[in-house]
Amino acid sequence: MAQDWTAPLDTVNFRCGGCRHAWEAQPDLIEDAPDDEHHPHRYFATCPRCQREHQPQAAWARNLMRAHQAATGPRTAEGLAKVGQNLAGHPNSEAQRRTRFNAMKHGMAAKTATYFPAKPDGYSFCAQCEVNRGWCEGQAACVKQTEIFMLHHAAFESRNPRVLAGVHADLQAGLTAMLQMLMQGVLADGVTLKVPKVELDREGNCVTLSYLDEFGERRNVYELSAHPALKSITDFVNRLGLSMNDLGMTARTADPEDEKGGGVLKLDAETQETLQGFGKRMELAMGTAREMLARAHKTTQEDPVLVAHEAREGKT
């Protein structure tokens, strides 16, 4: 029997906007929402953890009701039979390759729990986490860290670094964003920092050094130094491979006529050589080399100095 989505619910999942606690309970307040087509009621309750009143129904629960009503599928016996036929031949080799690490989940969660046990809102990165706090609290380890743990194990087990492409893409994007923030800070503060120069006098008091200019006005002596973030920017650029050479944006690389210069191997239709032609050329070169060695050996044997020396040594 189809569910009546217009009737009020007895129990509702709530999410506190203050402490982000998630719980399931009977609503304290039910308001009519005639403009909401999928469910004409709104639910509110008091948070049992921080006692905040009128906390709304969890967004994921609200969206789940909408998804259930929008879902379509076969209801007749014929339609259900056709759906069953679609599952024939599954899981295939591709599906098995993708799911063969599913059995690792429990073990990976146990290993991750050593470093990241589940404690909702207990880590600094929990503020941006969208995982339900009530569900997370019932897990052995942090869900997000377990996912990263499993991805790395799967990559090493299968010797396939492409498994980590998404993780590395997020990391690269975050580092690039940090680099941009560093550059904005340097541009706002200035490449060089000017600080008044201070020294200690004979009594041990700090005195700002100053002098009288040509107009008799007293001016401070400043000490100039490079911005301390410049070194960090340089290290980031080198580590991320963002230098001009890495990006192929140097003047030599950008000049199309530089291909005519030395150090560039360019094979066109005139300079290409077949394997057979290369073999013939090598055979001819080896034959010439043998003739040269024979002539050199003959010349050496006929050398009068060598002949006289061998005669004295009794080698002839």
C-alpha atoms as a PDB file:
ATOM      1  CA  MET A   1       0.000   0.000   0.000  1.00  0.00           C
ATOM      2  CA  ALA A   2       1.318   3.422  -0.971  1.00  0.00           C
ATOM      3  CA  GLN A   3       2.329   5.701   1.877  1.00  0.00           C
ATOM      4  CA  ASP A   4       0.248   8.789   2.544  1.00  0.00           C
ATOM      5  CA  TRP A   5       2.804  11.616   2.442  1.00  0.00           C
ATOM      6  CA  THR A   6       0.195  14.219   3.495  1.00  0.00           C
ATOM      7  CA  ALA A   7      -0.242  12.737   6.990  1.00  0.00           C
ATOM      8  CA  PRO A   8       1.903  14.098   9.857  1.00  0.00           C
ATOM      9  CA  LEU A   9       4.800  11.946  11.027  1.00  0.00           C
ATOM     10  CA  ASP A  10       4.984  10.477  14.536  1.00  0.00           C
ATOM     11  CA  THR A  11       8.800  10.470  14.804  1.00  0.00           C
ATOM     12  CA  VAL A  12      11.165  12.803  12.949  1.00  0.00           C
ATOM     13  CA  ASN A  13      14.950  13.123  12.576  1.00  0.00           C
ATOM     14  CA  PHE A  14      16.210  16.500  13.822  1.00  0.00           C
ATOM     15  CA  ARG A  15      19.507  18.364  13.567  1.00  0.00           C
ATOM     16  CA  CYS A  16      20.482  21.149  15.979  1.00  0.00           C
ATOM     17  CA  GLY A  17      21.835  24.237  14.250  1.00  0.00           C
ATOM     18  CA  GLY A  18      23.867  25.221  17.311  1.00  0.00           C
ATOM     19  CA  CYS A  19      25.654  22.133  18.639  1.00  0.00           C
ATOM     20  CA  ARG A  20      24.933  20.117  15.456  1.00  0.00           C
ATOM     21  CA  HIS A  21      23.543  17.219  17.487  1.00  0.00           C
ATOM     22  CA  ALA A  22      21.319  14.790  15.563  1.00  0.00           C
ATOM     23  CA  TRP A  23      18.505  12.815  17.189  1.00  0.00           C
ATOM     24  CA  GLU A  24      15.164  11.153  16.448  1.00  0.00           C
ATOM     25  CA  ALA A  25      12.103  12.008  18.531  1.00  0.00           C
ATOM     26  CA  GLN A  26       8.505  13.146  18.455  1.00  0.00           C
ATOM     27  CA  PRO A  27       8.159  16.765  17.309  1.00  0.00           C
ATOM     28  CA  ASP A  28       7.321  19.429  19.877  1.00  0.00           C
ATOM     29  CA  LEU A  29       5.770  21.677  17.247  1.00  0.00           C
ATOM     30  CA  ILE A  30       4.102  20.884  13.894  1.00  0.00           C
ATOM     31  CA  GLU A  31       3.382  23.732  11.482  1.00  0.00           C
ATOM     32  CA  ASP A  32       1.371  23.555   8.271  1.00  0.00           C
ATOM     33  CA  ALA A  33       3.325  24.104   5.054  1.00  0.00           C
ATOM     34  CA  PRO A  34       0.738  24.077   2.224  1.00  0.00           C
ATOM     35  CA  ASP A  35       3.296  25.417  -0.276  1.00  0.00           C
ATOM     36  CA  ASP A  36       5.472  22.335   0.172  1.00  0.00           C
ATOM     37  CA  GLU A  37       4.127  19.852  -2.363  1.00  0.00           C
ATOM     38  CA  HIS A  38       5.930  16.714  -1.193  1.00  0.00           C
ATOM     39  CA  HIS A  39       4.940  17.059   2.514  1.00  0.00           C
ATOM     40  CA  PRO A  40       2.665  19.849   3.839  1.00  0.00           C
ATOM     41  CA  HIS A  41       4.072  19.885   7.397  1.00  0.00           C
ATOM     42  CA  ARG A  42       7.097  21.342   9.160  1.00  0.00           C
ATOM     43  CA  TYR A  43       8.514  19.837  12.364  1.00  0.00           C
ATOM     44  CA  PHE A  44      10.442  21.401  15.261  1.00  0.00           C
ATOM     45  CA  ALA A  45      11.834  20.099  18.558  1.00  0.00           C
ATOM     46  CA  THR A  46      14.077  21.114  21.471  1.00  0.00           C
ATOM     47  CA  CYS A  47      17.654  19.884  21.299  1.00  0.00           C
ATOM     48  CA  PRO A  48      18.278  17.414  24.154  1.00  0.00           C
ATOM     49  CA  ARG A  49      21.969  18.343  24.322  1.00  0.00           C
ATOM     50  CA  CYS A  50      22.029  22.176  24.368  1.00  0.00           C
ATOM     51  CA  GLN A  51      18.298  22.801  25.033  1.00  0.00           C
ATOM     52  CA  ARG A  52      17.889  25.087  22.029  1.00  0.00           C
ATOM     53  CA  GLU A  53      14.218  25.339  21.110  1.00  0.00           C
ATOM     54  CA  HIS A  54      12.520  25.058  17.711  1.00  0.00           C
ATOM     55  CA  GLN A  55      15.272  23.113  15.967  1.00  0.00           C
ATOM     56  CA  PRO A  56      14.057  22.059  12.492  1.00  0.00           C
ATOM     57  CA  GLN A  57      13.832  18.678  10.866  1.00  0.00           C
ATOM     58  CA  ALA A  58      17.163  17.457   9.451  1.00  0.00           C
ATOM     59  CA  ALA A  59      17.641  18.557   5.854  1.00  0.00           C
ATOM     60  CA  TRP A  60      18.677  15.072   4.738  1.00  0.00           C
ATOM     61  CA  ALA A  61      15.451  13.577   6.142  1.00  0.00           C
ATOM     62  CA  ARG A  62      13.396  16.221   4.362  1.00  0.00           C
ATOM     63  CA  ASN A  63      15.173  15.583   1.092  1.00  0.00           C
ATOM     64  CA  LEU A  64      14.747  11.824   1.532  1.00  0.00           C
ATOM     65  CA  MET A  65      10.970  12.230   1.639  1.00  0.00           C
ATOM     66  CA  ARG A  66      11.105  14.248  -1.555  1.00  0.00           C
ATOM     67  CA  ALA A  67      13.287  11.613  -3.206  1.00  0.00           C
ATOM     68  CA  HIS A  68      10.926   8.789  -2.224  1.00  0.00           C
ATOM     69  CA  GLN A  69       7.993  10.560  -3.861  1.00  0.00           C
ATOM     70  CA  ALA A  70       9.975  11.374  -7.003  1.00  0.00           C
ATOM     71  CA  ALA A  71      11.302   7.817  -7.366  1.00  0.00           C
ATOM     72  CA  THR A  72       9.804   5.800 -10.211  1.00  0.00           C
ATOM     73  CA  GLY A  73       9.939   2.099 -10.885  1.00  0.00           C
ATOM     74  CA  PRO A  74       7.966  -0.887 -12.030  1.00  0.00           C
ATOM     75  CA  ARG A  75       5.021  -2.027  -9.929  1.00  0.00           C
ATOM     76  CA  THR A  76       3.448  -4.718 -12.067  1.00  0.00           C
ATOM     77  CA  ALA A  77       4.657  -8.333 -12.156  1.00  0.00           C
ATOM     78  CA  GLU A  78       5.801  -7.912 -15.765  1.00  0.00           C
ATOM     79  CA  GLY A  79       7.822  -4.798 -14.939  1.00  0.00           C
ATOM     80  CA  LEU A  80       9.444  -6.427 -11.909  1.00  0.00           C
ATOM     81  CA  ALA A  81      10.382  -9.455 -14.047  1.00  0.00           C
ATOM     82  CA  LYS A  82      12.122  -7.226 -16.590  1.00  0.00           C
ATOM     83  CA  VAL A  83      14.093  -5.535 -13.825  1.00  0.00           C
ATOM     84  CA  GLY A  84      15.223  -8.954 -12.631  1.00  0.00           C
ATOM     85  CA  GLN A  85      16.432  -9.801 -16.131  1.00  0.00           C
ATOM     86  CA  ASN A  86      18.622  -6.681 -16.118  1.00  0.00           C
ATOM     87  CA  LEU A  87      20.622  -8.162 -13.247  1.00  0.00           C
ATOM     88  CA  ALA A  88      21.601 -11.244 -15.268  1.00  0.00           C
ATOM     89  CA  GLY A  89      25.365 -11.446 -15.755  1.00  0.00           C
ATOM     90  CA  HIS A  90      26.140  -9.164 -12.816  1.00  0.00           C
ATOM     91  CA  PRO A  91      28.463  -8.610 -11.163  1.00  0.00           C
ATOM     92  CA  ASN A  92      30.760  -8.708 -14.193  1.00  0.00           C
ATOM     93  CA  SER A  93      34.552  -8.444 -14.138  1.00  0.00           C
ATOM     94  CA  GLU A  94      34.436  -4.626 -14.136  1.00  0.00           C
ATOM     95  CA  ALA A  95      32.044  -4.519 -11.180  1.00  0.00           C
ATOM     96  CA  GLN A  96      34.174  -7.051  -9.296  1.00  0.00           C
ATOM     97  CA  ARG A  97      37.269  -4.947  -9.917  1.00  0.00           C
ATOM     98  CA  ARG A  98      35.544  -1.897  -8.428  1.00  0.00           C
ATOM     99  CA  THR A  99      34.057  -3.679  -5.417  1.00  0.00           C
ATOM    100  CA  ARG A 100      36.832  -6.109  -4.479  1.00  0.00           C
ATOM    101  CA  PHE A 101      38.002  -3.781  -1.706  1.00  0.00           C
ATOM    102  CA  ASN A 102      34.595  -3.554   0.003  1.00  0.00           C
ATOM    103  CA  ALA A 103      35.609  -6.300   2.432  1.00  0.00           C
ATOM    104  CA  MET A 104      38.453  -4.068   3.635  1.00  0.00           C
ATOM    105  CA  LYS A 105      36.044  -1.605   5.256  1.00  0.00           C
ATOM    106  CA  HIS A 106      35.889  -3.215   8.701  1.00  0.00           C
ATOM    107  CA  GLY A 107      39.639  -3.765   8.917  1.00  0.00           C
ATOM    108  CA  MET A 108      40.428  -0.292   7.654  1.00  0.00           C
ATOM    109  CA  ALA A 109      38.030   1.238  10.175  1.00  0.00           C
ATOM    110  CA  ALA A 110      39.742  -0.704  12.957  1.00  0.00           C
ATOM    111  CA  LYS A 111      43.188   0.531  11.877  1.00  0.00           C
ATOM    112  CA  THR A 112      41.986   4.102  11.411  1.00  0.00           C
ATOM    113  CA  ALA A 113      40.391   4.073  14.867  1.00  0.00           C
ATOM    114  CA  THR A 114      43.899   3.867  16.319  1.00  0.00           C
ATOM    115  CA  TYR A 115      44.594   7.380  15.071  1.00  0.00           C
ATOM    116  CA  PHE A 116      41.116   8.856  14.421  1.00  0.00           C
ATOM    117  CA  PRO A 117      38.457   7.300  16.695  1.00  0.00           C
ATOM    118  CA  ALA A 118      34.931   8.514  16.031  1.00  0.00           C
ATOM    119  CA  LYS A 119      34.209  11.620  18.117  1.00  0.00           C
ATOM    120  CA  PRO A 120      31.775  14.006  16.359  1.00  0.00           C
ATOM    121  CA  ASP A 121      32.875  17.652  16.499  1.00  0.00           C
ATOM    122  CA  GLY A 122      36.030  16.562  18.331  1.00  0.00           C
ATOM    123  CA  TYR A 123      38.415  17.321  15.439  1.00  0.00           C
ATOM    124  CA  SER A 124      39.168  20.643  13.799  1.00  0.00           C
ATOM    125  CA  PHE A 125      37.925  19.386  10.405  1.00  0.00           C
ATOM    126  CA  CYS A 126      34.534  18.325  11.840  1.00  0.00           C
ATOM    127  CA  ALA A 127      33.155  21.850  11.346  1.00  0.00           C
ATOM    128  CA  GLN A 128      33.096  21.332   7.550  1.00  0.00           C
ATOM    129  CA  CYS A 129      31.989  17.673   7.679  1.00  0.00           C
ATOM    130  CA  GLU A 130      28.526  16.898   6.301  1.00  0.00           C
ATOM    131  CA  VAL A 131      28.258  13.417   7.883  1.00  0.00           C
ATOM    132  CA  ASN A 132      25.361  12.954  10.301  1.00  0.00           C
ATOM    133  CA  ARG A 133      26.723  13.316  13.831  1.00  0.00           C
ATOM    134  CA  GLY A 134      24.473  10.645  15.332  1.00  0.00           C
ATOM    135  CA  TRP A 135      25.497   8.070  12.739  1.00  0.00           C
ATOM    136  CA  CYS A 136      29.170   9.041  13.009  1.00  0.00           C
ATOM    137  CA  GLU A 137      29.095   8.583  16.778  1.00  0.00           C
ATOM    138  CA  GLY A 138      28.122   4.945  16.337  1.00  0.00           C
ATOM    139  CA  GLN A 139      31.083   4.150  14.057  1.00  0.00           C
ATOM    140  CA  ALA A 140      34.451   2.769  15.125  1.00  0.00           C
ATOM    141  CA  ALA A 141      36.460   5.495  13.398  1.00  0.00           C
ATOM    142  CA  CYS A 142      36.071   8.829  11.661  1.00  0.00           C
ATOM    143  CA  VAL A 143      34.240   8.152   8.383  1.00  0.00           C
ATOM    144  CA  LYS A 144      36.222  10.648   6.316  1.00  0.00           C
ATOM    145  CA  GLN A 145      39.595   9.422   7.549  1.00  0.00           C
ATOM    146  CA  THR A 146      38.557   5.802   6.966  1.00  0.00           C
ATOM    147  CA  GLU A 147      37.716   6.667   3.364  1.00  0.00           C
ATOM    148  CA  ILE A 148      41.167   8.199   2.816  1.00  0.00           C
ATOM    149  CA  PHE A 149      42.769   5.217   4.575  1.00  0.00           C
ATOM    150  CA  MET A 150      40.962   2.750   2.285  1.00  0.00           C
ATOM    151  CA  LEU A 151      41.829   4.698  -0.861  1.00  0.00           C
ATOM    152  CA  HIS A 152      45.544   4.587  -0.084  1.00  0.00           C
ATOM    153  CA  HIS A 153      45.451   0.895   0.787  1.00  0.00           C
ATOM    154  CA  ALA A 154      43.544   0.135  -2.424  1.00  0.00           C
ATOM    155  CA  ALA A 155      46.064   2.118  -4.461  1.00  0.00           C
ATOM    156  CA  PHE A 156      49.027   0.240  -3.003  1.00  0.00           C
ATOM    157  CA  GLU A 157      47.333  -3.166  -3.130  1.00  0.00           C
ATOM    158  CA  SER A 158      46.422  -2.745  -6.810  1.00  0.00           C
ATOM    159  CA  ARG A 159      49.576  -0.767  -7.660  1.00  0.00           C
ATOM    160  CA  ASN A 160      47.327   1.778  -9.352  1.00  0.00           C
ATOM    161  CA  PRO A 161      48.122   5.400  -8.370  1.00  0.00           C
ATOM    162  CA  ARG A 162      45.130   6.648 -10.354  1.00  0.00           C
ATOM    163  CA  VAL A 163      42.936   5.585  -7.417  1.00  0.00           C
ATOM    164  CA  LEU A 164      44.350   8.580  -5.525  1.00  0.00           C
ATOM    165  CA  ALA A 165      43.705  11.060  -8.337  1.00  0.00           C
ATOM    166  CA  GLY A 166      40.770  12.662  -6.513  1.00  0.00           C
ATOM    167  CA  VAL A 167      42.667  12.995  -3.214  1.00  0.00           C
ATOM    168  CA  HIS A 168      45.712  14.484  -4.913  1.00  0.00           C
ATOM    169  CA  ALA A 169      43.543  16.848  -6.967  1.00  0.00           C
ATOM    170  CA  ASP A 170      41.945  18.210  -3.769  1.00  0.00           C
ATOM    171  CA  LEU A 171      45.372  18.519  -2.138  1.00  0.00           C
ATOM    172  CA  GLN A 172      46.822  20.324  -5.156  1.00  0.00           C
ATOM    173  CA  ALA A 173      43.863  22.697  -5.290  1.00  0.00           C
ATOM    174  CA  GLY A 174      44.203  23.463  -1.571  1.00  0.00           C
ATOM    175  CA  LEU A 175      47.929  24.160  -1.867  1.00  0.00           C
ATOM    176  CA  THR A 176      47.332  26.426  -4.860  1.00  0.00           C
ATOM    177  CA  ALA A 177      44.680  28.333  -2.886  1.00  0.00           C
ATOM    178  CA  MET A 178      47.171  28.759  -0.014  1.00  0.00           C
ATOM    179  CA  LEU A 179      49.754  30.061  -2.480  1.00  0.00           C
ATOM    180  CA  GLN A 180      47.295  32.650  -3.780  1.00  0.00           C
ATOM    181  CA  MET A 181      46.483  33.791  -0.242  1.00  0.00           C
ATOM    182  CA  LEU A 182      50.196  34.146   0.516  1.00  0.00           C
ATOM    183  CA  MET A 183      50.687  36.268  -2.595  1.00  0.00           C
ATOM    184  CA  GLN A 184      47.721  38.483  -1.705  1.00  0.00           C
ATOM    185  CA  GLY A 185      49.146  38.999   1.785  1.00  0.00           C
ATOM    186  CA  VAL A 186      52.545  39.962   0.391  1.00  0.00           C
ATOM    187  CA  LEU A 187      51.011  42.388  -2.097  1.00  0.00           C
ATOM    188  CA  ALA A 188      48.957  43.993   0.681  1.00  0.00           C
ATOM    189  CA  ASP A 189      51.917  44.334   3.093  1.00  0.00           C
ATOM    190  CA  GLY A 190      54.555  45.119   0.475  1.00  0.00           C
ATOM    191  CA  VAL A 191      57.500  43.104  -0.772  1.00  0.00           C
ATOM    192  CA  THR A 192      59.841  44.922   1.636  1.00  0.00           C
ATOM    193  CA  LEU A 193      58.983  45.670   5.255  1.00  0.00           C
ATOM    194  CA  LYS A 194      60.168  48.969   6.748  1.00  0.00           C
ATOM    195  CA  VAL A 195      60.679  48.902  10.515  1.00  0.00           C
ATOM    196  CA  PRO A 196      62.172  51.719  12.650  1.00  0.00           C
ATOM    197  CA  LYS A 197      65.668  50.787  13.807  1.00  0.00           C
ATOM    198  CA  VAL A 198      65.990  50.525  17.582  1.00  0.00           C
ATOM    199  CA  GLU A 199      69.138  50.237  19.713  1.00  0.00           C
ATOM    200  CA  LEU A 200      69.925  50.198  23.420  1.00  0.00           C
ATOM    201  CA  ASP A 201      71.512  53.248  25.019  1.00  0.00           C
ATOM    202  CA  ARG A 202      74.037  53.191  27.861  1.00  0.00           C
ATOM    203  CA  GLU A 203      71.295  52.847  30.461  1.00  0.00           C
ATOM    204  CA  GLY A 204      69.782  49.836  28.645  1.00  0.00           C
ATOM    205  CA  ASN A 205      66.743  51.711  27.324  1.00  0.00           C
ATOM    206  CA  CYS A 206      65.404  51.159  23.806  1.00  0.00           C
ATOM    207  CA  VAL A 207      65.971  54.224  21.643  1.00  0.00           C
ATOM    208  CA  THR A 208      64.684  54.736  18.132  1.00  0.00           C
ATOM    209  CA  LEU A 209      67.465  55.990  15.907  1.00  0.00           C
ATOM    210  CA  SER A 210      66.744  59.265  14.182  1.00  0.00           C
ATOM    211  CA  TYR A 211      68.503  62.140  12.403  1.00  0.00           C
ATOM    212  CA  LEU A 212      67.904  65.740  11.280  1.00  0.00           C
ATOM    213  CA  ASP A 213      67.407  66.189   7.559  1.00  0.00           C
ATOM    214  CA  GLU A 214      68.495  69.191   5.512  1.00  0.00           C
ATOM    215  CA  PHE A 215      65.360  71.085   6.522  1.00  0.00           C
ATOM    216  CA  GLY A 216      65.916  70.512  10.229  1.00  0.00           C
ATOM    217  CA  GLU A 217      63.153  67.943  10.601  1.00  0.00           C
ATOM    218  CA  ARG A 218      63.783  64.821  12.658  1.00  0.00           C
ATOM    219  CA  ARG A 219      63.365  61.564  10.747  1.00  0.00           C
ATOM    220  CA  ASN A 220      63.595  57.983  11.924  1.00  0.00           C
ATOM    221  CA  VAL A 221      66.125  55.504  10.611  1.00  0.00           C
ATOM    222  CA  TYR A 222      64.347  52.515   9.085  1.00  0.00           C
ATOM    223  CA  GLU A 223      65.594  48.992   8.537  1.00  0.00           C
ATOM    224  CA  LEU A 224      64.409  47.342   5.329  1.00  0.00           C
ATOM    225  CA  SER A 225      63.919  43.574   5.114  1.00  0.00           C
ATOM    226  CA  ALA A 226      62.311  41.207   2.628  1.00  0.00           C
ATOM    227  CA  HIS A 227      58.801  39.971   3.398  1.00  0.00           C
ATOM    228  CA  PRO A 228      59.100  36.684   5.386  1.00  0.00           C
ATOM    229  CA  ALA A 229      56.409  35.020   3.221  1.00  0.00           C
ATOM    230  CA  LEU A 230      58.525  35.332   0.054  1.00  0.00           C
ATOM    231  CA  LYS A 231      60.530  32.212   0.930  1.00  0.00           C
ATOM    232  CA  SER A 232      57.330  30.240   1.542  1.00  0.00           C
ATOM    233  CA  ILE A 233      55.974  31.363  -1.838  1.00  0.00           C
ATOM    234  CA  THR A 234      59.181  30.285  -3.577  1.00  0.00           C
ATOM    235  CA  ASP A 235      59.069  26.871  -1.880  1.00  0.00           C
ATOM    236  CA  PHE A 236      55.398  26.433  -2.844  1.00  0.00           C
ATOM    237  CA  VAL A 237      56.103  27.314  -6.476  1.00  0.00           C
ATOM    238  CA  ASN A 238      58.952  24.807  -6.674  1.00  0.00           C
ATOM    239  CA  ARG A 239      57.042  22.019  -4.921  1.00  0.00           C
ATOM    240  CA  LEU A 240      53.888  22.472  -6.994  1.00  0.00           C
ATOM    241  CA  GLY A 241      55.813  22.556 -10.288  1.00  0.00           C
ATOM    242  CA  LEU A 242      54.560  26.038 -11.183  1.00  0.00           C
ATOM    243  CA  SER A 243      57.842  27.493 -12.421  1.00  0.00           C
ATOM    244  CA  MET A 244      58.108  28.845 -15.969  1.00  0.00           C
ATOM    245  CA  ASN A 245      60.135  25.835 -17.091  1.00  0.00           C
ATOM    246  CA  ASP A 246      57.615  23.382 -15.616  1.00  0.00           C
ATOM    247  CA  LEU A 247      54.720  25.133 -17.341  1.00  0.00           C
ATOM    248  CA  GLY A 248      56.562  25.431 -20.674  1.00  0.00           C
ATOM    249  CA  MET A 249      56.201  29.223 -20.685  1.00  0.00           C
ATOM    250  CA  THR A 250      59.837  30.283 -21.096  1.00  0.00           C
ATOM    251  CA  ALA A 251      60.883  32.490 -24.025  1.00  0.00           C
ATOM    252  CA  ARG A 252      62.832  29.611 -25.615  1.00  0.00           C
ATOM    253  CA  THR A 253      59.824  27.292 -25.427  1.00  0.00           C
ATOM    254  CA  ALA A 254      57.404  29.921 -26.689  1.00  0.00           C
ATOM    255  CA  ASP A 255      59.566  30.852 -29.728  1.00  0.00           C
ATOM    256  CA  PRO A 256      58.483  28.641 -32.653  1.00  0.00           C
ATOM    257  CA  GLU A 257      61.623  29.487 -34.650  1.00  0.00           C
ATOM    258  CA  ASP A 258      63.848  28.176 -31.882  1.00  0.00           C
ATOM    259  CA  GLU A 259      63.244  24.653 -33.195  1.00  0.00           C
ATOM    260  CA  LYS A 260      65.874  25.412 -35.833  1.00  0.00           C
ATOM    261  CA  GLY A 261      68.493  25.836 -33.121  1.00  0.00           C
ATOM    262  CA  GLY A 262      70.620  23.141 -31.572  1.00  0.00           C
ATOM    263  CA  GLY A 263      69.429  20.708 -28.973  1.00  0.00           C
ATOM    264  CA  VAL A 264      66.093  19.990 -30.691  1.00  0.00           C
ATOM    265  CA  LEU A 265      65.525  16.648 -32.396  1.00  0.00           C
ATOM    266  CA  LYS A 266      63.078  17.092 -35.224  1.00  0.00           C
ATOM    267  CA  LEU A 267      62.355  14.352 -37.723  1.00  0.00           C
ATOM    268  CA  ASP A 268      60.455  15.301 -40.845  1.00  0.00           C
ATOM    269  CA  ALA A 269      59.834  13.411 -44.073  1.00  0.00           C
ATOM    270  CA  GLU A 270      63.312  14.284 -45.390  1.00  0.00           C
ATOM    271  CA  THR A 271      65.281  13.271 -42.293  1.00  0.00           C
ATOM    272  CA  GLN A 272      63.390  10.118 -41.335  1.00  0.00           C
ATOM    273  CA  GLU A 273      65.239   6.853 -41.912  1.00  0.00           C
ATOM    274  CA  THR A 274      63.844   3.347 -42.141  1.00  0.00           C
ATOM    275  CA  LEU A 275      65.266   0.457 -40.144  1.00  0.00           C
ATOM    276  CA  GLN A 276      66.462  -1.257 -43.325  1.00  0.00           C
ATOM    277  CA  GLY A 277      68.284   1.864 -44.489  1.00  0.00           C
ATOM    278  CA  PHE A 278      69.913   2.254 -41.089  1.00  0.00           C
ATOM    279  CA  GLY A 279      71.107  -1.367 -41.215  1.00  0.00           C
ATOM    280  CA  LYS A 280      72.675  -0.930 -44.661  1.00  0.00           C
ATOM    281  CA  ARG A 281      74.446   2.231 -43.540  1.00  0.00           C
ATOM    282  CA  MET A 282      75.831   0.462 -40.444  1.00  0.00           C
ATOM    283  CA  GLU A 283      76.969  -2.531 -42.549  1.00  0.00           C
ATOM    284  CA  LEU A 284      78.839  -0.221 -44.921  1.00  0.00           C
ATOM    285  CA  ALA A 285      80.448   1.605 -42.013  1.00  0.00           C
ATOM    286  CA  MET A 286      81.581  -1.680 -40.398  1.00  0.00           C
ATOM    287  CA  GLY A 287      83.065  -2.874 -43.703  1.00  0.00           C
ATOM    288  CA  THR A 288      85.032   0.329 -44.063  1.00  0.00           C
ATOM    289  CA  ALA A 289      86.217   0.028 -40.483  1.00  0.00           C
ATOM    290  CA  ARG A 290      87.518  -3.510 -41.090  1.00  0.00           C
ATOM    291  CA  GLU A 291      89.503  -2.340 -44.110  1.00  0.00           C
ATOM    292  CA  MET A 292      90.995   0.506 -42.101  1.00  0.00           C
ATOM    293  CA  LEU A 293      92.020  -1.883 -39.297  1.00  0.00           C
ATOM    294  CA  ALA A 294      93.629  -4.286 -41.803  1.00  0.00           C
ATOM    295  CA  ARG A 295      95.654  -1.468 -43.384  1.00  0.00           C
ATOM    296  CA  ALA A 296      96.753  -0.209 -39.988  1.00  0.00           C
ATOM    297  CA  HIS A 297      97.868  -3.702 -38.934  1.00  0.00           C
ATOM    298  CA  LYS A 298      99.839  -4.178 -42.168  1.00  0.00           C
ATOM    299  CA  THR A 299     101.534  -0.810 -41.770  1.00  0.00           C
ATOM    300  CA  THR A 300     102.500  -1.680 -38.215  1.00  0.00           C
ATOM    301  CA  GLN A 301     104.010  -5.030 -39.197  1.00  0.00           C
ATOM    302  CA  GLU A 302     106.096  -3.391 -41.925  1.00  0.00           C
ATOM    303  CA  ASP A 303     107.446  -0.657 -39.683  1.00  0.00           C
ATOM    304  CA  PRO A 304     111.320  -0.917 -39.848  1.00  0.00           C
ATOM    305  CA  VAL A 305     111.783   0.185 -36.247  1.00  0.00           C
ATOM    306  CA  LEU A 306     109.386  -2.459 -35.004  1.00  0.00           C
ATOM    307  CA  VAL A 307     111.051  -5.121 -37.191  1.00  0.00           C
ATOM    308  CA  ALA A 308     114.513  -4.253 -35.803  1.00  0.00           C
ATOM    309  CA  HIS A 309     113.250  -4.248 -32.234  1.00  0.00           C
ATOM    310  CA  GLU A 310     111.638  -7.673 -32.621  1.00  0.00           C
ATOM    311  CA  ALA A 311     114.867  -9.018 -34.224  1.00  0.00           C
ATOM    312  CA  ARG A 312     116.867  -7.908 -31.168  1.00  0.00           C
ATOM    313  CA  GLU A 313     114.366  -9.465 -28.802  1.00  0.00           C
ATOM    314  CA  GLY A 314     114.377 -12.703 -30.761  1.00  0.00           C
ATOM    315  CA  LYS A 315     110.676 -12.562 -31.571  1.00  0.00           C
ATOM    316  CA  THR A 316     111.178 -13.122 -35.285  1.00  0.00           C
END
